[in-house]
Protein backbone atom coordinates (compact mmCIF):
# COMPACT_ATOMS: atom_id res chain seq x y z
CA MET A 1 0.00 0.00 0.00
CA VAL A 2 1.41 3.36 -1.03
CA PRO A 3 1.38 5.79 1.91
CA ASN A 4 -0.45 9.09 1.65
CA LEU A 5 2.35 11.65 1.80
CA GLY A 6 -0.06 14.54 2.31
CA PRO A 7 -0.34 18.05 0.86
CA ALA A 8 3.10 19.16 2.08
CA ARG A 9 4.86 16.47 0.02
CA ARG A 10 2.64 17.17 -2.99
CA ARG A 11 3.50 20.86 -2.68
CA MET A 12 7.24 20.10 -2.67
CA ASP A 13 6.84 17.80 -5.68
CA LEU A 14 5.01 20.59 -7.53
CA MET A 15 7.65 23.19 -6.62
CA ALA A 16 10.46 20.89 -7.76
CA SER A 17 8.60 20.15 -11.00
CA VAL A 18 8.09 23.84 -11.72
CA SER A 19 11.75 24.55 -10.92
CA ARG A 20 12.93 21.99 -13.48
CA SER A 21 10.49 23.13 -16.17
CA SER A 22 9.94 26.43 -17.88
CA GLY A 23 7.49 27.24 -15.14
CA LEU A 24 4.58 27.40 -17.58
CA GLU A 25 4.14 23.80 -18.68
CA LYS A 26 0.97 21.67 -18.29
CA ASP A 27 -0.98 23.91 -20.67
CA GLY A 28 0.63 26.95 -19.14
CA ASP A 29 -1.33 26.75 -15.88
CA ASP A 30 1.27 26.00 -13.20
CA LEU A 31 2.67 29.44 -12.54
CA LYS A 32 -0.37 31.32 -13.82
CA ASN A 33 -2.23 30.23 -10.71
CA HIS A 34 -1.99 32.84 -7.94
CA LYS A 35 -1.82 30.30 -5.12
CA THR A 36 0.94 28.35 -6.88
CA GLN A 37 2.85 31.60 -7.43
CA GLU A 38 2.67 32.40 -3.73
CA GLU A 39 3.80 28.89 -2.75
CA TYR A 40 6.62 29.11 -5.27
CA ARG A 41 7.67 32.46 -3.77
CA ASP A 42 7.96 30.80 -0.35
CA PHE A 43 9.96 27.99 -1.97
CA ILE A 44 12.37 30.56 -3.45
CA GLN A 45 12.67 32.30 -0.09
CA GLU A 46 13.96 29.11 1.48
CA LYS A 47 16.63 28.89 -1.22
CA LEU A 48 17.51 32.57 -0.82
CA ASP A 49 17.81 32.33 2.96
CA ALA A 50 20.19 29.41 2.55
CA VAL A 51 22.38 31.35 0.10
CA LEU A 52 22.56 34.39 2.37
CA LYS A 53 23.33 32.26 5.40
CA ASN A 54 25.94 30.06 3.73
CA HIS A 55 27.59 32.82 1.70
CA PRO A 56 27.65 36.10 3.67
CA TRP A 57 29.25 39.04 1.88
CA THR A 58 32.95 39.05 2.64
CA VAL A 59 36.23 40.03 1.03
CA ASN A 60 38.03 37.01 2.53
CA GLU A 61 36.70 34.47 0.05
CA THR A 62 38.53 31.60 -1.64
CA GLU A 63 38.16 31.07 -5.36
CA ASP A 64 36.22 27.83 -4.81
CA ALA A 65 33.89 29.54 -2.32
CA LYS A 66 33.30 32.35 -4.82
CA LYS A 67 32.40 29.91 -7.60
CA GLN A 68 29.94 28.10 -5.34
CA ARG A 69 28.40 31.40 -4.18
CA LEU A 70 27.94 32.65 -7.74
CA TYR A 71 26.41 29.30 -8.75
CA GLU A 72 23.86 29.37 -5.94
CA GLN A 73 23.06 33.05 -6.47
CA GLU A 74 22.46 32.45 -10.16
CA ASN A 75 20.09 29.60 -9.33
CA VAL A 76 18.04 31.90 -7.11
CA LEU A 77 17.86 34.49 -9.90
CA ILE A 78 16.70 31.78 -12.34
CA LEU A 79 13.90 30.78 -9.94
CA PHE A 80 12.81 34.40 -9.65
CA ARG A 81 12.84 34.75 -13.45
CA LYS A 82 10.49 31.78 -13.78
CA LEU A 83 8.18 33.28 -11.18
CA ARG A 84 8.19 36.63 -13.00
CA GLU A 85 7.21 34.82 -16.21
CA GLY A 86 4.21 33.35 -14.42
CA VAL A 87 3.27 36.67 -12.87
CA ALA A 88 3.52 38.42 -16.24
CA SER A 89 1.45 35.70 -17.96
CA ALA A 90 -1.25 36.11 -15.33
CA ALA A 91 -1.15 39.92 -15.85
CA ARG A 92 -0.81 40.28 -12.11
CA THR A 93 -0.07 43.80 -10.78
CA ASP A 94 -0.99 43.51 -7.11
CA ASP A 95 1.29 43.89 -4.08
CA PHE A 96 2.53 40.32 -4.48
CA ALA A 97 3.64 40.97 -8.06
CA LEU A 98 5.36 44.19 -7.00
CA GLU A 99 7.27 42.36 -4.26
CA VAL A 100 8.42 39.70 -6.73
CA TYR A 101 9.66 42.25 -9.25
CA GLU A 102 11.31 44.50 -6.67
CA THR A 103 13.06 41.69 -4.80
CA SER A 104 14.38 40.07 -7.96
CA PHE A 105 15.44 43.51 -9.25
CA PHE A 106 17.44 44.32 -6.14
CA LEU A 107 18.95 40.84 -5.95
CA SER A 108 20.04 41.01 -9.60
CA ILE A 109 22.08 44.07 -8.63
CA ILE A 110 23.46 42.59 -5.42
CA PHE A 111 24.28 39.31 -7.18
CA GLU A 112 25.92 41.21 -10.07
CA SER A 113 23.69 40.16 -12.97
CA PRO A 114 23.28 43.41 -14.96
CA LYS A 115 21.47 41.73 -17.88
CA GLN A 116 18.70 40.61 -15.55
CA THR A 117 18.65 44.06 -13.96
CA THR A 118 18.02 45.69 -17.34
CA ALA A 119 15.27 43.19 -18.17
CA ILE A 120 13.42 43.66 -14.88
CA ILE A 121 13.46 47.46 -15.12
CA GLN A 122 11.10 47.23 -18.11
CA HIS A 123 8.44 45.67 -15.88
CA LEU A 124 8.80 48.15 -13.02
CA ILE A 125 9.20 51.23 -15.22
CA PRO A 126 7.72 50.55 -18.66
CA SER A 127 9.08 52.16 -21.81
CA PRO A 128 7.93 54.21 -23.75
CA PRO A 129 7.27 56.79 -21.03
CA SER A 130 3.88 56.88 -19.40
CA THR A 131 2.25 59.11 -16.81
CA THR A 132 1.32 56.02 -14.85
CA THR A 133 3.07 52.85 -13.76
CA PRO A 134 1.56 49.41 -13.13
CA PHE A 135 3.07 49.55 -9.64
CA LYS A 136 2.06 52.80 -7.94
CA ASN A 137 3.52 51.76 -4.57
CA ALA A 138 7.00 50.96 -5.84
CA SER A 139 9.84 51.76 -3.45
CA ILE A 140 11.93 54.89 -3.96
CA PHE A 141 14.87 52.51 -4.36
CA VAL A 142 13.45 51.38 -7.72
CA PRO A 143 13.98 54.67 -9.64
CA LEU A 144 17.21 55.45 -7.78
CA CYS A 145 18.73 52.03 -8.48
CA SER A 146 17.53 52.00 -12.08
CA LEU A 147 19.15 55.38 -12.76
CA LEU A 148 22.43 54.41 -11.09
CA HIS A 149 22.35 51.13 -13.02
CA HIS A 150 22.32 53.05 -16.31
CA LEU A 151 25.10 55.38 -15.13
CA VAL A 152 27.25 52.35 -14.28
CA ALA A 153 26.38 50.27 -17.35
CA SER A 154 27.05 53.02 -19.91
CA TYR A 155 29.80 54.96 -18.12
CA PRO A 156 31.06 57.50 -19.07
CA SER A 157 28.17 58.01 -21.51
CA GLN A 158 24.90 59.20 -19.95
CA GLY A 159 22.69 58.66 -22.98
CA THR A 160 20.74 55.69 -21.63
CA TYR A 161 20.52 57.37 -18.22
CA HIS A 162 18.69 60.37 -19.71
CA GLN A 163 16.51 58.15 -21.90
CA HIS A 164 15.50 56.12 -18.87
CA LEU A 165 14.90 59.22 -16.75
CA ASP A 166 12.30 60.37 -19.27
CA THR A 167 10.35 57.13 -18.71
CA ILE A 168 10.09 57.52 -14.92
CA PRO A 169 6.74 59.05 -13.95
CA GLU A 170 6.65 62.02 -11.58
CA SER A 171 4.62 59.94 -9.12
CA LEU A 172 7.50 57.47 -8.78
CA LEU A 173 10.29 60.05 -8.59
CA PRO A 174 9.10 63.61 -7.84
CA ARG A 175 11.58 65.78 -9.72
CA LYS A 176 11.90 68.34 -6.90
CA SER A 177 12.45 65.76 -4.16
CA GLU A 178 15.72 65.39 -2.28
CA HIS A 179 16.13 61.88 -3.72
CA ALA A 180 15.86 63.20 -7.28
CA SER A 181 18.18 66.13 -6.61
CA TRP A 182 20.81 63.76 -5.24
CA VAL A 183 20.87 61.44 -8.26
CA PHE A 184 20.72 64.41 -10.67
CA ASP A 185 23.74 65.97 -8.91
CA ILE A 186 25.60 62.65 -9.09
CA ALA A 187 25.12 62.55 -12.86
CA LYS A 188 25.97 66.25 -13.26
CA SER A 189 29.21 65.96 -11.27
CA LEU A 190 30.36 63.07 -13.46
CA ARG A 191 29.33 64.83 -16.66
CA ARG A 192 31.31 67.93 -15.66
CA ARG A 193 34.21 65.83 -14.34
CA ASN A 194 33.86 67.45 -10.94
CA TYR A 195 35.28 64.46 -9.09
CA ALA A 196 35.59 66.31 -5.79
CA LYS A 197 31.85 66.98 -5.87
CA PHE A 198 31.13 63.42 -6.93
CA ALA A 199 33.27 62.04 -4.10
CA TYR A 200 31.23 64.04 -1.58
CA LEU A 201 27.86 63.12 -3.08
CA SER A 202 28.75 59.43 -3.24
CA LYS A 203 30.00 59.13 0.35
CA LYS A 204 28.05 56.81 2.62
CA GLU A 205 27.28 59.67 5.01
CA THR A 206 25.77 61.78 2.23
CA LEU A 207 23.50 58.98 1.04
CA VAL A 208 22.44 58.19 4.61
CA SER A 209 21.41 61.84 4.97
CA VAL A 210 19.47 61.75 1.68
CA LEU A 211 17.65 58.57 2.65
CA GLY A 212 16.60 60.21 5.89
CA SER A 213 14.15 57.96 7.70
CA GLU A 214 15.35 55.05 5.57
CA GLN A 215 18.54 55.24 7.65
CA GLN A 216 21.80 53.64 6.65
CA GLU A 217 23.01 50.58 4.83
CA PRO A 218 21.70 47.47 6.60
CA ALA A 219 23.75 44.59 7.92
CA THR A 220 24.42 42.07 5.18
CA ASP A 221 25.14 38.92 7.15
CA VAL A 222 21.61 38.23 8.37
CA PRO A 223 19.39 35.83 6.38
CA ALA A 224 16.25 37.26 4.83
CA THR A 225 13.28 36.05 6.85
CA THR A 226 10.31 38.25 5.96
CA LYS A 227 11.14 39.31 2.42
CA PRO A 228 12.76 42.56 3.65
CA LEU A 229 12.54 44.79 0.59
CA ALA A 230 13.97 47.84 2.33
CA LYS A 231 17.12 45.90 3.23
CA PHE A 232 17.65 44.68 -0.32
CA GLY A 233 16.85 48.09 -1.81
CA LYS A 234 19.42 49.82 0.36
CA GLN A 235 22.03 47.16 -0.29
CA ALA A 236 21.48 47.35 -4.05
CA LEU A 237 21.85 51.13 -3.96
CA PHE A 238 25.17 50.92 -2.11
CA VAL A 239 26.45 48.19 -4.45
CA LEU A 240 25.73 50.37 -7.50
CA LEU A 241 27.27 53.40 -5.82
CA ASN A 242 30.41 51.38 -5.11
CA LEU A 243 30.68 50.33 -8.76
CA LEU A 244 30.20 53.92 -9.94
CA ARG A 245 32.87 55.16 -7.51
CA GLN A 246 35.33 52.61 -8.92
CA LYS A 247 34.72 53.81 -12.47
CA ALA A 248 34.92 57.50 -11.53
CA ALA A 249 38.12 56.95 -9.54
CA SER A 250 39.77 55.27 -12.52
CA THR A 251 38.96 58.25 -14.75
CA ALA A 252 40.03 60.75 -12.09
CA TRP A 253 43.37 58.97 -11.66
CA THR A 254 44.04 59.14 -15.40
CA ILE A 255 43.41 62.90 -15.30
CA LEU A 256 45.58 63.40 -12.19
CA ARG A 257 48.47 61.47 -13.74
CA ALA A 258 48.30 63.72 -16.79
CA SER A 259 48.11 66.89 -14.65
CA TYR A 260 50.68 66.40 -11.89
CA ARG A 261 54.40 65.68 -11.94
CA GLU A 262 54.75 64.91 -8.25
CA LEU A 263 52.63 64.09 -5.20
CA ALA A 264 53.66 65.01 -1.67
CA CYS A 265 51.99 62.39 0.52
CA ASN A 266 54.22 62.40 3.57
CA PRO A 267 52.37 61.92 6.88
CA GLY A 268 52.52 65.63 7.71
CA ASN A 269 50.86 66.69 4.45
CA ASP A 270 47.28 66.04 5.55
CA ASP A 271 45.61 68.22 2.91
CA THR A 272 47.11 66.27 0.00
CA ARG A 273 46.44 62.94 1.66
CA THR A 274 42.79 63.80 2.33
CA TRP A 275 42.41 65.11 -1.23
CA LEU A 276 43.76 61.87 -2.69
CA VAL A 277 41.60 59.68 -0.43
CA ASN A 278 38.51 61.59 -1.58
CA SER A 279 39.48 61.85 -5.25
CA MET A 280 40.29 58.13 -5.51
CA CYS A 281 37.17 57.17 -3.50
CA LEU A 282 39.27 55.08 -1.13
CA ASP A 283 36.66 55.19 1.63
CA SER A 284 34.37 52.20 1.14
CA VAL A 285 30.59 52.64 1.04
CA LEU A 286 30.03 48.92 1.69
CA SER A 287 30.06 47.59 5.24
CA PHE A 288 31.67 44.31 4.18
CA VAL A 289 34.47 45.95 2.14
CA PRO A 290 37.15 47.78 4.16
CA SER A 291 38.35 51.21 3.12
CA THR A 292 41.68 51.27 1.27
CA ASP A 293 44.68 52.64 3.16
CA LEU A 294 46.27 55.50 1.22
CA ASP A 295 49.85 54.32 1.69
CA LYS A 296 48.91 50.83 0.54
CA TRP A 297 47.17 52.32 -2.50
CA LEU A 298 50.28 54.41 -3.33
CA HIS A 299 52.48 51.32 -3.28
CA GLU A 300 49.98 49.50 -5.49
CA GLN A 301 50.26 52.35 -8.01
CA GLU A 302 54.04 52.01 -7.79
CA SER A 303 53.76 48.30 -8.59
CA SER A 304 51.54 49.19 -11.57
CA GLY A 305 54.12 51.64 -12.91
CA HIS A 306 51.97 54.71 -12.27
CA LEU A 307 54.19 56.15 -9.52
CA ARG A 308 57.78 55.86 -8.34
CA ALA A 309 59.20 56.91 -5.02
CA LYS A 310 61.33 60.06 -5.12
CA GLU A 311 64.86 59.36 -3.93
CA GLY A 312 65.79 61.05 -0.67
CA ALA A 313 62.30 62.42 -0.08
CA ASP A 314 60.15 60.26 2.16
CA GLY A 315 56.48 60.30 1.17
CA ARG A 316 57.02 62.07 -2.15
CA TRP A 317 56.12 60.33 -5.40
CA ILE A 318 57.05 61.01 -9.04
CA VAL A 319 54.03 60.61 -11.31
CA CYS A 320 54.67 58.41 -14.33
CA LYS A 321 52.81 59.97 -17.22
CA VAL A 322 50.00 58.27 -19.11
CA ARG A 323 51.14 56.86 -22.45
């Protein structure tokens, strides 16, 4: 006699079957069903919690650990993509659908999958531009992250950034709000190559002030337990800001190497040291990535052939010109 394994086992069998398929097999009904979508979302959450618990963000990661982390993160993103296909096929635009799109959007940024990020934006902020959006209650992190995503992806060009900005309705990003002013100033400072201004605008403290009641970047080593959108939104924003700072610092360094013959970075020259730390964005905006020590960074530039120590002058560096 075959034992009755009950609804819990049947649910797990269904979830596993959907995970292996396109998600829309059996006449396309599996993930069109709202209840199945919600059960599948819980199934994904279990997988996501395991990934976050087993692979906390850290800089001390072996190559094998990194490969395993990326593999498991990609699997979670694939599961979310299948769920989004079901949600889209069911033409669902309620709070559940919004949560699915927002969470997968933020995770695609955190898990470094820019192609998925670009694809998901189209669902949250449709193009061509419209005065309305299917998700009126979308988080402020959606327009902010989408704009920073375009600044990072097309850097130094800002063409796609401006095209995307035109598609964001006023209701989602009020143009006179502090949030909008901040991201506009970020883009303007990069466009004008005002890297000192950019360094200030992109500092963690500045963003914390802009976010206001949203407070600062959350801890990243705690498993998700209640689908915490705010946590993921903040983390995604800081990840994008970190990537943009890296790109801007690289450009700024090229300009500085072409402009200066020598740098006086001895311990007593605090003004120059502070200027370099800010210009090269050496202060980390991510809690799990330590800030870069200036002296260590200078020696790294020496190893790269960008600087050489000046003989007989401690803390002074000859700038090797860009070729």
